[in-house]
N, C-alpha and C. Protein backbone atom coordinates (compact mmCIF):
# COMPACT_ATOMS: atom_id res chain seq x y z
N MET A 1 -4.17 -178.09 46.05
CA MET A 1 -3.21 -178.26 47.11
C MET A 1 -1.83 -177.84 46.60
N ILE A 2 -1.11 -177.13 47.41
CA ILE A 2 0.23 -176.67 47.05
C ILE A 2 1.23 -177.77 47.35
N ASP A 3 2.10 -178.06 46.40
CA ASP A 3 3.16 -179.04 46.59
C ASP A 3 4.29 -178.35 47.35
N SER A 4 4.48 -178.75 48.61
CA SER A 4 5.47 -178.08 49.45
C SER A 4 6.90 -178.35 49.00
N SER A 5 7.12 -179.35 48.15
CA SER A 5 8.48 -179.62 47.68
C SER A 5 8.95 -178.59 46.65
N GLU A 6 7.99 -177.81 46.09
CA GLU A 6 8.35 -176.82 45.08
C GLU A 6 9.03 -175.59 45.66
N GLU A 7 8.70 -175.22 46.88
CA GLU A 7 9.29 -174.02 47.49
C GLU A 7 9.88 -174.38 48.84
N PRO A 8 11.15 -174.05 49.03
CA PRO A 8 11.74 -174.32 50.35
C PRO A 8 11.07 -173.45 51.40
N GLY A 9 10.80 -174.03 52.54
CA GLY A 9 10.24 -173.27 53.65
C GLY A 9 8.72 -173.23 53.70
N LEU A 10 8.04 -173.68 52.66
CA LEU A 10 6.58 -173.62 52.64
C LEU A 10 5.97 -174.48 53.75
N GLU A 11 6.55 -175.63 53.99
CA GLU A 11 6.04 -176.50 55.06
C GLU A 11 6.26 -175.85 56.42
N GLN A 12 7.36 -175.11 56.60
CA GLN A 12 7.60 -174.42 57.87
C GLN A 12 6.58 -173.31 58.08
N VAL A 13 6.25 -172.58 57.00
CA VAL A 13 5.23 -171.53 57.10
C VAL A 13 3.89 -172.14 57.48
N ARG A 14 3.54 -173.24 56.83
CA ARG A 14 2.28 -173.92 57.14
C ARG A 14 2.27 -174.34 58.62
N THR A 15 3.37 -174.89 59.10
CA THR A 15 3.46 -175.31 60.50
C THR A 15 3.29 -174.12 61.45
N LEU A 16 3.92 -172.99 61.13
CA LEU A 16 3.78 -171.79 61.97
C LEU A 16 2.35 -171.27 61.98
N ILE A 17 1.70 -171.30 60.84
CA ILE A 17 0.29 -170.86 60.77
C ILE A 17 -0.60 -171.77 61.60
N LEU A 18 -0.39 -173.06 61.51
CA LEU A 18 -1.19 -174.01 62.30
C LEU A 18 -0.94 -173.80 63.80
N GLN A 19 0.30 -173.54 64.20
CA GLN A 19 0.59 -173.26 65.61
C GLN A 19 -0.11 -171.98 66.06
N LEU A 20 -0.05 -170.95 65.22
CA LEU A 20 -0.74 -169.70 65.54
C LEU A 20 -2.24 -169.93 65.67
N LYS A 21 -2.82 -170.67 64.74
CA LYS A 21 -4.26 -170.97 64.78
C LYS A 21 -4.62 -171.68 66.08
N ARG A 22 -3.82 -172.67 66.48
CA ARG A 22 -4.10 -173.40 67.73
C ARG A 22 -4.06 -172.47 68.95
N ARG A 23 -3.05 -171.58 68.99
CA ARG A 23 -2.93 -170.65 70.13
C ARG A 23 -4.08 -169.66 70.17
N LEU A 24 -4.41 -169.08 69.02
CA LEU A 24 -5.54 -168.14 68.96
C LEU A 24 -6.85 -168.83 69.30
N ASP A 25 -7.04 -170.03 68.79
CA ASP A 25 -8.27 -170.79 69.05
C ASP A 25 -8.38 -171.13 70.53
N SER A 26 -7.28 -171.54 71.14
CA SER A 26 -7.27 -171.86 72.56
C SER A 26 -7.62 -170.63 73.40
N HIS A 27 -7.03 -169.49 73.05
CA HIS A 27 -7.33 -168.24 73.76
C HIS A 27 -8.82 -167.89 73.64
N MET A 28 -9.37 -168.02 72.43
CA MET A 28 -10.79 -167.69 72.21
C MET A 28 -11.69 -168.63 73.00
N ARG A 29 -11.37 -169.91 73.01
CA ARG A 29 -12.19 -170.88 73.77
C ARG A 29 -12.11 -170.60 75.26
N ASP A 30 -10.89 -170.33 75.76
CA ASP A 30 -10.72 -170.08 77.18
C ASP A 30 -11.44 -168.81 77.62
N ARG A 31 -11.35 -167.76 76.82
CA ARG A 31 -11.91 -166.47 77.21
C ARG A 31 -13.40 -166.34 76.91
N TRP A 32 -13.83 -166.80 75.73
CA TRP A 32 -15.19 -166.54 75.28
C TRP A 32 -16.01 -167.81 75.00
N HIS A 33 -15.41 -168.98 75.17
CA HIS A 33 -16.09 -170.25 74.89
C HIS A 33 -16.58 -170.32 73.45
N ARG A 34 -15.71 -169.92 72.52
CA ARG A 34 -16.04 -169.91 71.09
C ARG A 34 -14.91 -170.57 70.30
N SER A 35 -15.29 -171.15 69.18
CA SER A 35 -14.33 -171.64 68.21
C SER A 35 -14.69 -170.99 66.88
N LEU A 36 -13.76 -170.23 66.31
CA LEU A 36 -14.04 -169.43 65.13
C LEU A 36 -13.08 -169.76 63.99
N PRO A 37 -13.46 -169.44 62.76
CA PRO A 37 -12.52 -169.60 61.64
C PRO A 37 -11.31 -168.69 61.83
N LEU A 38 -10.22 -169.04 61.17
CA LEU A 38 -8.96 -168.31 61.32
C LEU A 38 -9.12 -166.82 61.06
N GLU A 39 -9.84 -166.43 60.02
CA GLU A 39 -9.96 -165.00 59.71
C GLU A 39 -10.63 -164.23 60.85
N GLU A 40 -11.57 -164.86 61.55
CA GLU A 40 -12.21 -164.18 62.68
C GLU A 40 -11.26 -164.07 63.87
N LEU A 41 -10.32 -165.01 63.98
CA LEU A 41 -9.33 -164.95 65.05
C LEU A 41 -8.26 -163.90 64.78
N LEU A 42 -7.96 -163.68 63.50
CA LEU A 42 -6.89 -162.77 63.13
C LEU A 42 -7.31 -161.31 63.09
N PHE A 43 -8.56 -161.03 62.75
CA PHE A 43 -9.00 -159.66 62.50
C PHE A 43 -10.03 -159.22 63.52
N ASP A 44 -9.99 -157.95 63.86
CA ASP A 44 -10.86 -157.36 64.87
C ASP A 44 -12.14 -156.82 64.23
N ARG A 45 -13.30 -157.28 64.73
CA ARG A 45 -14.60 -156.87 64.17
C ARG A 45 -14.86 -155.37 64.35
N TRP A 46 -14.42 -154.81 65.46
CA TRP A 46 -14.64 -153.38 65.74
C TRP A 46 -13.74 -152.53 64.84
N GLU A 47 -12.52 -153.00 64.61
CA GLU A 47 -11.62 -152.28 63.71
C GLU A 47 -12.18 -152.25 62.29
N ARG A 48 -12.73 -153.37 61.84
CA ARG A 48 -13.32 -153.40 60.50
C ARG A 48 -14.47 -152.40 60.41
N ALA A 49 -15.32 -152.35 61.43
CA ALA A 49 -16.45 -151.40 61.43
C ALA A 49 -15.94 -149.96 61.38
N ARG A 50 -14.90 -149.65 62.15
CA ARG A 50 -14.33 -148.30 62.12
C ARG A 50 -13.79 -147.97 60.73
N SER A 51 -13.12 -148.94 60.10
CA SER A 51 -12.55 -148.69 58.77
C SER A 51 -13.63 -148.45 57.72
N LEU A 52 -14.84 -148.96 57.97
CA LEU A 52 -15.97 -148.73 57.06
C LEU A 52 -16.73 -147.44 57.38
N GLY A 53 -16.31 -146.74 58.44
CA GLY A 53 -16.96 -145.50 58.83
C GLY A 53 -18.22 -145.70 59.66
N PHE A 54 -18.40 -146.89 60.22
CA PHE A 54 -19.57 -147.18 61.04
C PHE A 54 -19.41 -146.52 62.40
N GLY A 55 -20.49 -146.41 63.15
CA GLY A 55 -20.50 -145.71 64.43
C GLY A 55 -19.68 -146.38 65.51
N GLU A 56 -19.39 -145.61 66.55
CA GLU A 56 -18.58 -146.05 67.68
C GLU A 56 -19.19 -147.30 68.33
N GLY A 57 -18.33 -148.29 68.57
CA GLY A 57 -18.77 -149.50 69.26
C GLY A 57 -19.47 -150.52 68.39
N THR A 58 -19.56 -150.26 67.10
CA THR A 58 -20.19 -151.22 66.18
C THR A 58 -19.17 -152.26 65.77
N SER A 59 -19.63 -153.51 65.59
CA SER A 59 -18.76 -154.58 65.12
C SER A 59 -19.40 -155.29 63.94
N ILE A 60 -18.55 -155.82 63.05
CA ILE A 60 -19.03 -156.55 61.88
C ILE A 60 -18.05 -157.69 61.59
N TYR A 61 -18.60 -158.86 61.37
CA TYR A 61 -17.78 -160.04 61.11
C TYR A 61 -17.08 -159.95 59.76
N GLN A 62 -15.96 -160.66 59.64
CA GLN A 62 -15.20 -160.70 58.39
C GLN A 62 -15.99 -161.38 57.28
N SER A 63 -16.90 -162.27 57.61
CA SER A 63 -17.67 -163.00 56.60
C SER A 63 -18.83 -162.18 56.04
N SER A 64 -18.99 -160.95 56.49
CA SER A 64 -20.06 -160.07 56.01
C SER A 64 -19.64 -159.35 54.74
N TYR A 65 -20.58 -159.22 53.82
CA TYR A 65 -20.34 -158.53 52.56
C TYR A 65 -20.99 -157.15 52.60
N ILE A 66 -20.24 -156.14 52.13
CA ILE A 66 -20.71 -154.76 52.10
C ILE A 66 -20.55 -154.24 50.68
N TYR A 67 -21.64 -153.69 50.12
CA TYR A 67 -21.61 -153.10 48.77
C TYR A 67 -22.21 -151.70 48.83
N GLY A 68 -21.58 -150.76 48.14
CA GLY A 68 -22.16 -149.43 47.97
C GLY A 68 -22.14 -148.59 49.23
N ASP A 69 -23.13 -147.69 49.31
CA ASP A 69 -23.24 -146.69 50.37
C ASP A 69 -24.00 -147.27 51.56
N VAL A 70 -23.26 -147.77 52.55
CA VAL A 70 -23.86 -148.36 53.75
C VAL A 70 -23.44 -147.52 54.94
N GLN A 71 -24.42 -146.98 55.65
CA GLN A 71 -24.18 -146.18 56.85
C GLN A 71 -24.77 -146.92 58.03
N VAL A 72 -23.94 -147.11 59.07
CA VAL A 72 -24.37 -147.84 60.25
C VAL A 72 -24.03 -147.00 61.47
N GLY A 73 -24.97 -146.89 62.39
CA GLY A 73 -24.80 -146.08 63.59
C GLY A 73 -23.94 -146.74 64.65
N ALA A 74 -24.00 -146.20 65.86
CA ALA A 74 -23.18 -146.65 66.98
C ALA A 74 -23.81 -147.84 67.68
N GLY A 75 -22.94 -148.65 68.28
CA GLY A 75 -23.39 -149.74 69.14
C GLY A 75 -24.13 -150.86 68.44
N CYS A 76 -23.86 -151.06 67.16
CA CYS A 76 -24.54 -152.12 66.41
C CYS A 76 -23.70 -153.39 66.39
N TRP A 77 -24.37 -154.51 66.27
CA TRP A 77 -23.73 -155.81 66.09
C TRP A 77 -24.21 -156.38 64.78
N ILE A 78 -23.28 -156.62 63.86
CA ILE A 78 -23.63 -157.19 62.56
C ILE A 78 -23.02 -158.58 62.51
N GLY A 79 -23.87 -159.58 62.51
CA GLY A 79 -23.46 -160.96 62.65
C GLY A 79 -22.77 -161.54 61.43
N PRO A 80 -22.34 -162.79 61.55
CA PRO A 80 -21.64 -163.45 60.45
C PRO A 80 -22.56 -163.76 59.28
N PHE A 81 -21.96 -163.85 58.11
CA PHE A 81 -22.64 -164.25 56.88
C PHE A 81 -23.79 -163.32 56.50
N THR A 82 -23.63 -162.03 56.78
CA THR A 82 -24.63 -161.04 56.40
C THR A 82 -24.24 -160.39 55.09
N LEU A 83 -25.24 -159.83 54.40
CA LEU A 83 -25.00 -159.10 53.15
C LEU A 83 -25.72 -157.77 53.25
N LEU A 84 -24.96 -156.69 53.16
CA LEU A 84 -25.51 -155.34 53.24
C LEU A 84 -25.26 -154.65 51.90
N ASP A 85 -26.30 -154.57 51.08
CA ASP A 85 -26.22 -153.96 49.76
C ASP A 85 -26.65 -152.51 49.87
N GLY A 86 -25.70 -151.61 49.73
CA GLY A 86 -26.00 -150.18 49.77
C GLY A 86 -25.94 -149.53 48.41
N SER A 87 -26.06 -150.30 47.33
CA SER A 87 -25.96 -149.71 45.99
C SER A 87 -27.08 -148.71 45.72
N GLY A 88 -28.18 -148.83 46.46
CA GLY A 88 -29.27 -147.86 46.37
C GLY A 88 -29.38 -147.01 47.62
N GLY A 89 -28.43 -147.17 48.55
CA GLY A 89 -28.43 -146.41 49.81
C GLY A 89 -29.02 -147.22 50.95
N LEU A 90 -28.22 -147.48 51.97
CA LEU A 90 -28.66 -148.24 53.14
C LEU A 90 -28.25 -147.50 54.39
N GLU A 91 -29.22 -147.24 55.26
CA GLU A 91 -28.97 -146.55 56.53
C GLU A 91 -29.52 -147.40 57.67
N ILE A 92 -28.64 -147.70 58.63
CA ILE A 92 -29.01 -148.46 59.82
C ILE A 92 -28.71 -147.59 61.03
N GLY A 93 -29.69 -147.43 61.91
CA GLY A 93 -29.54 -146.56 63.07
C GLY A 93 -28.63 -147.13 64.14
N ASP A 94 -28.67 -146.52 65.32
CA ASP A 94 -27.86 -146.94 66.46
C ASP A 94 -28.48 -148.15 67.16
N HIS A 95 -27.63 -148.93 67.81
CA HIS A 95 -28.03 -150.03 68.69
C HIS A 95 -28.93 -151.05 67.99
N CYS A 96 -28.53 -151.45 66.81
CA CYS A 96 -29.25 -152.48 66.06
C CYS A 96 -28.43 -153.76 66.06
N ASP A 97 -29.12 -154.89 66.11
CA ASP A 97 -28.48 -156.20 65.96
C ASP A 97 -29.01 -156.85 64.69
N LEU A 98 -28.10 -157.19 63.79
CA LEU A 98 -28.44 -157.93 62.57
C LEU A 98 -27.88 -159.33 62.74
N SER A 99 -28.75 -160.30 62.88
CA SER A 99 -28.34 -161.67 63.18
C SER A 99 -27.68 -162.34 61.98
N ALA A 100 -27.12 -163.50 62.23
CA ALA A 100 -26.43 -164.27 61.19
C ALA A 100 -27.33 -164.49 59.98
N GLY A 101 -26.76 -164.30 58.81
CA GLY A 101 -27.47 -164.59 57.57
C GLY A 101 -28.42 -163.53 57.07
N VAL A 102 -28.52 -162.38 57.74
CA VAL A 102 -29.40 -161.31 57.28
C VAL A 102 -28.91 -160.79 55.93
N GLN A 103 -29.85 -160.58 55.01
CA GLN A 103 -29.53 -160.02 53.69
C GLN A 103 -30.42 -158.81 53.45
N ILE A 104 -29.80 -157.67 53.19
CA ILE A 104 -30.53 -156.43 52.92
C ILE A 104 -30.15 -155.97 51.53
N TYR A 105 -31.16 -155.80 50.67
CA TYR A 105 -30.94 -155.42 49.28
C TYR A 105 -31.54 -154.05 48.99
N THR A 106 -30.79 -153.23 48.24
CA THR A 106 -31.31 -151.93 47.81
C THR A 106 -31.39 -151.86 46.29
N HIS A 107 -31.25 -153.00 45.65
CA HIS A 107 -31.41 -153.08 44.19
C HIS A 107 -31.97 -154.46 43.84
N ASP A 108 -32.54 -154.56 42.63
CA ASP A 108 -32.83 -155.89 42.09
C ASP A 108 -32.72 -155.84 40.57
N THR A 109 -32.41 -156.99 40.02
CA THR A 109 -32.15 -157.10 38.59
C THR A 109 -33.21 -157.93 37.88
N ALA A 110 -34.36 -158.13 38.51
CA ALA A 110 -35.39 -159.00 37.93
C ALA A 110 -35.84 -158.51 36.56
N LYS A 111 -36.17 -157.24 36.43
CA LYS A 111 -36.63 -156.71 35.14
C LYS A 111 -35.52 -156.78 34.09
N ARG A 112 -34.30 -156.48 34.50
CA ARG A 112 -33.19 -156.57 33.56
C ARG A 112 -33.04 -158.00 33.03
N ALA A 113 -33.15 -158.97 33.93
CA ALA A 113 -32.97 -160.37 33.53
C ALA A 113 -34.07 -160.83 32.58
N VAL A 114 -35.33 -160.59 32.95
CA VAL A 114 -36.43 -161.11 32.12
C VAL A 114 -36.61 -160.32 30.83
N SER A 115 -36.05 -159.13 30.74
CA SER A 115 -36.14 -158.35 29.49
C SER A 115 -34.96 -158.63 28.57
N GLY A 116 -34.11 -159.56 28.95
CA GLY A 116 -32.93 -159.84 28.15
C GLY A 116 -31.93 -158.71 28.16
N GLY A 117 -31.91 -157.95 29.24
CA GLY A 117 -30.95 -156.86 29.39
C GLY A 117 -31.44 -155.52 28.89
N LYS A 118 -32.68 -155.45 28.41
CA LYS A 118 -33.21 -154.18 27.89
C LYS A 118 -33.62 -153.22 29.01
N ALA A 119 -34.17 -153.76 30.08
CA ALA A 119 -34.56 -152.92 31.22
C ALA A 119 -33.36 -152.74 32.14
N GLY A 120 -33.39 -151.69 32.92
CA GLY A 120 -32.28 -151.41 33.83
C GLY A 120 -32.45 -152.10 35.18
N VAL A 121 -31.54 -151.78 36.05
CA VAL A 121 -31.55 -152.27 37.43
C VAL A 121 -32.37 -151.29 38.27
N ASP A 122 -33.27 -151.82 39.09
CA ASP A 122 -34.08 -150.98 39.98
C ASP A 122 -33.35 -150.79 41.31
N HIS A 123 -33.30 -149.52 41.78
CA HIS A 123 -32.68 -149.19 43.06
C HIS A 123 -33.68 -148.43 43.93
N ALA A 124 -33.64 -148.68 45.22
CA ALA A 124 -34.42 -147.90 46.19
C ALA A 124 -33.76 -148.07 47.55
N PRO A 125 -33.65 -146.99 48.33
CA PRO A 125 -32.95 -147.07 49.61
C PRO A 125 -33.72 -147.88 50.65
N VAL A 126 -32.97 -148.41 51.61
CA VAL A 126 -33.53 -149.09 52.77
C VAL A 126 -33.08 -148.34 54.00
N ARG A 127 -34.02 -148.16 54.95
CA ARG A 127 -33.69 -147.51 56.21
C ARG A 127 -34.17 -148.38 57.35
N ILE A 128 -33.27 -148.63 58.31
CA ILE A 128 -33.62 -149.36 59.52
C ILE A 128 -33.39 -148.40 60.68
N GLY A 129 -34.44 -148.12 61.45
CA GLY A 129 -34.34 -147.19 62.56
C GLY A 129 -33.49 -147.73 63.69
N SER A 130 -33.23 -146.89 64.65
CA SER A 130 -32.42 -147.28 65.81
C SER A 130 -33.14 -148.31 66.67
N CYS A 131 -32.35 -149.08 67.40
CA CYS A 131 -32.86 -150.03 68.40
C CYS A 131 -33.73 -151.12 67.78
N CYS A 132 -33.24 -151.71 66.70
CA CYS A 132 -33.97 -152.80 66.03
C CYS A 132 -33.20 -154.10 66.15
N TYR A 133 -33.96 -155.18 66.20
CA TYR A 133 -33.40 -156.53 66.16
C TYR A 133 -33.92 -157.20 64.90
N ILE A 134 -32.99 -157.61 64.03
CA ILE A 134 -33.35 -158.31 62.80
C ILE A 134 -32.87 -159.75 62.98
N GLY A 135 -33.81 -160.69 63.02
CA GLY A 135 -33.51 -162.08 63.34
C GLY A 135 -32.73 -162.81 62.26
N PRO A 136 -32.27 -164.02 62.58
CA PRO A 136 -31.46 -164.79 61.64
C PRO A 136 -32.17 -165.03 60.30
N ASN A 137 -31.38 -164.93 59.24
CA ASN A 137 -31.82 -165.25 57.88
C ASN A 137 -32.99 -164.42 57.37
N VAL A 138 -33.15 -163.21 57.88
CA VAL A 138 -34.16 -162.29 57.37
C VAL A 138 -33.65 -161.70 56.06
N ILE A 139 -34.57 -161.53 55.10
CA ILE A 139 -34.26 -160.86 53.83
C ILE A 139 -35.11 -159.59 53.77
N VAL A 140 -34.45 -158.47 53.50
CA VAL A 140 -35.12 -157.17 53.38
C VAL A 140 -35.01 -156.72 51.93
N GLN A 141 -36.16 -156.44 51.33
CA GLN A 141 -36.22 -156.01 49.93
C GLN A 141 -35.96 -154.52 49.80
N ARG A 142 -35.54 -154.10 48.62
CA ARG A 142 -35.24 -152.69 48.36
C ARG A 142 -36.47 -151.82 48.65
N GLY A 143 -36.20 -150.58 49.06
CA GLY A 143 -37.26 -149.59 49.27
C GLY A 143 -38.00 -149.68 50.58
N VAL A 144 -37.58 -150.54 51.49
CA VAL A 144 -38.29 -150.78 52.75
C VAL A 144 -37.74 -149.90 53.87
N THR A 145 -38.63 -149.44 54.74
CA THR A 145 -38.25 -148.77 55.98
C THR A 145 -38.75 -149.61 57.14
N ILE A 146 -37.85 -149.89 58.08
CA ILE A 146 -38.21 -150.58 59.32
C ILE A 146 -38.06 -149.56 60.43
N GLY A 147 -39.17 -149.27 61.10
CA GLY A 147 -39.17 -148.25 62.14
C GLY A 147 -38.37 -148.65 63.37
N GLU A 148 -38.00 -147.64 64.17
CA GLU A 148 -37.18 -147.87 65.36
C GLU A 148 -37.90 -148.76 66.37
N HIS A 149 -37.11 -149.39 67.23
CA HIS A 149 -37.59 -150.27 68.30
C HIS A 149 -38.47 -151.40 67.75
N THR A 150 -37.99 -152.03 66.69
CA THR A 150 -38.75 -153.10 66.04
C THR A 150 -37.98 -154.40 66.07
N ILE A 151 -38.71 -155.49 66.24
CA ILE A 151 -38.17 -156.84 66.16
C ILE A 151 -38.73 -157.49 64.90
N VAL A 152 -37.83 -158.02 64.05
CA VAL A 152 -38.26 -158.80 62.89
C VAL A 152 -37.81 -160.23 63.14
N GLY A 153 -38.77 -161.15 63.17
CA GLY A 153 -38.49 -162.55 63.50
C GLY A 153 -37.71 -163.29 62.44
N ALA A 154 -37.08 -164.36 62.85
CA ALA A 154 -36.20 -165.17 61.99
C ALA A 154 -36.90 -165.61 60.71
N CYS A 155 -36.12 -165.66 59.65
CA CYS A 155 -36.53 -166.18 58.34
C CYS A 155 -37.67 -165.39 57.69
N SER A 156 -37.86 -164.16 58.08
CA SER A 156 -38.91 -163.32 57.49
C SER A 156 -38.43 -162.71 56.19
N PHE A 157 -39.38 -162.40 55.30
CA PHE A 157 -39.11 -161.66 54.07
C PHE A 157 -39.83 -160.33 54.17
N VAL A 158 -39.06 -159.25 54.34
CA VAL A 158 -39.63 -157.91 54.56
C VAL A 158 -39.72 -157.22 53.21
N ASN A 159 -40.95 -157.10 52.69
CA ASN A 159 -41.16 -156.46 51.39
C ASN A 159 -42.08 -155.25 51.48
N ARG A 160 -42.33 -154.79 52.71
CA ARG A 160 -43.12 -153.57 52.91
C ARG A 160 -42.65 -152.91 54.20
N ASP A 161 -42.98 -151.65 54.36
CA ASP A 161 -42.55 -150.91 55.55
C ASP A 161 -43.13 -151.53 56.82
N ILE A 162 -42.35 -151.48 57.89
CA ILE A 162 -42.77 -151.93 59.20
C ILE A 162 -42.76 -150.71 60.12
N PRO A 163 -43.90 -150.39 60.75
CA PRO A 163 -43.93 -149.19 61.60
C PRO A 163 -43.08 -149.33 62.86
N PRO A 164 -42.70 -148.21 63.46
CA PRO A 164 -41.92 -148.25 64.70
C PRO A 164 -42.63 -149.04 65.79
N TYR A 165 -41.85 -149.57 66.73
CA TYR A 165 -42.36 -150.30 67.89
C TYR A 165 -43.22 -151.49 67.49
N SER A 166 -42.77 -152.24 66.49
CA SER A 166 -43.52 -153.39 65.99
C SER A 166 -42.79 -154.70 66.27
N MET A 167 -43.60 -155.73 66.44
CA MET A 167 -43.13 -157.12 66.38
C MET A 167 -43.66 -157.63 65.06
N ALA A 168 -42.75 -158.09 64.17
CA ALA A 168 -43.18 -158.50 62.83
C ALA A 168 -42.48 -159.81 62.45
N ILE A 169 -43.23 -160.69 61.77
CA ILE A 169 -42.68 -161.97 61.32
C ILE A 169 -43.36 -162.39 60.03
N GLY A 170 -42.76 -163.34 59.36
CA GLY A 170 -43.43 -164.03 58.27
C GLY A 170 -42.87 -163.75 56.89
N THR A 171 -43.42 -164.51 55.94
CA THR A 171 -43.07 -164.38 54.54
C THR A 171 -44.37 -164.34 53.74
N PRO A 172 -44.83 -163.16 53.35
CA PRO A 172 -44.20 -161.86 53.60
C PRO A 172 -44.39 -161.41 55.06
N CYS A 173 -43.48 -160.55 55.48
CA CYS A 173 -43.46 -160.08 56.87
C CYS A 173 -44.68 -159.21 57.16
N ARG A 174 -45.25 -159.41 58.34
CA ARG A 174 -46.39 -158.57 58.75
C ARG A 174 -46.29 -158.31 60.26
N ARG A 175 -46.88 -157.22 60.68
CA ARG A 175 -46.88 -156.84 62.08
C ARG A 175 -47.83 -157.75 62.84
N ILE A 176 -47.36 -158.32 63.96
CA ILE A 176 -48.22 -159.18 64.78
C ILE A 176 -48.35 -158.67 66.21
N GLY A 177 -47.69 -157.56 66.51
CA GLY A 177 -47.76 -157.01 67.85
C GLY A 177 -46.97 -155.73 67.96
N ARG A 178 -46.97 -155.19 69.17
CA ARG A 178 -46.22 -153.95 69.38
C ARG A 178 -45.24 -154.11 70.52
N ILE A 179 -44.17 -153.34 70.44
CA ILE A 179 -43.11 -153.35 71.44
C ILE A 179 -43.38 -152.21 72.41
N VAL A 180 -43.35 -152.52 73.70
CA VAL A 180 -43.52 -151.52 74.74
C VAL A 180 -42.22 -151.45 75.53
N VAL A 181 -41.54 -150.31 75.43
CA VAL A 181 -40.27 -150.13 76.12
C VAL A 181 -40.53 -149.40 77.43
N ASN A 182 -40.20 -150.08 78.54
CA ASN A 182 -40.34 -149.50 79.87
C ASN A 182 -38.99 -149.00 80.34
N ASP A 183 -38.90 -148.53 81.58
CA ASP A 183 -37.64 -148.01 82.11
C ASP A 183 -36.49 -149.01 81.97
N ARG A 184 -36.71 -150.27 82.35
CA ARG A 184 -35.63 -151.25 82.35
C ARG A 184 -36.01 -152.55 81.66
N ASP A 185 -37.14 -152.60 80.99
CA ASP A 185 -37.58 -153.84 80.39
C ASP A 185 -38.33 -153.56 79.09
N VAL A 186 -38.61 -154.61 78.38
CA VAL A 186 -39.35 -154.52 77.13
C VAL A 186 -40.44 -155.57 77.16
N ASP A 187 -41.64 -155.19 76.78
CA ASP A 187 -42.77 -156.13 76.67
C ASP A 187 -43.22 -156.18 75.23
N ILE A 188 -43.74 -157.35 74.82
CA ILE A 188 -44.34 -157.50 73.51
C ILE A 188 -45.82 -157.77 73.73
N GLU A 189 -46.65 -156.90 73.18
CA GLU A 189 -48.10 -157.08 73.25
C GLU A 189 -48.57 -157.56 71.89
N TYR A 190 -48.99 -158.82 71.83
CA TYR A 190 -49.41 -159.41 70.56
C TYR A 190 -50.81 -158.97 70.18
N ASP A 191 -51.03 -158.77 68.87
CA ASP A 191 -52.34 -158.36 68.38
C ASP A 191 -53.40 -159.44 68.59
N HIS A 192 -53.04 -160.68 68.32
CA HIS A 192 -53.96 -161.82 68.49
C HIS A 192 -53.19 -162.98 69.09
N ARG A 193 -53.82 -163.73 69.90
CA ARG A 193 -53.15 -164.92 70.49
C ARG A 193 -53.74 -166.17 69.92
């Protein structure tokens, strides 16, 4: 905690910040029925995505971590508390939603750790096709491709490729059905009920 008696005006700055937070929070609640941390109120998610070179209309929360070469297409929503590791190359297509807590890795240090530093770090790219939904708290391992028009269910661990137009869930993740995209709707046809 900062002792406000050490610097003149520090308490006034704190008061101004709290007033700003209240006004921004009130505006957010009135307009969108949300209450967000200060950094989300101060910074624009779409502006951050543009500054990262992501596609038009894509947004990414301030609480998201980005490492290495990460390419994201247009119209994507990248939720809070996500981790996008592009140290081995990460490509995400257009119109994808990555839910809160999604972690995508393109490297791992397991061999380096258990060898006492003698082995190197393994890298392999990850590709997520266009029009995918990645559910909350999904973890994607290095070297995986998720085909377009695919839904990956919450809390899944994706350690192998998922073909296009799939419904996939589990730890490890497996295909349990297919996605059928119609003119104005989407159906899921499950493999087994």
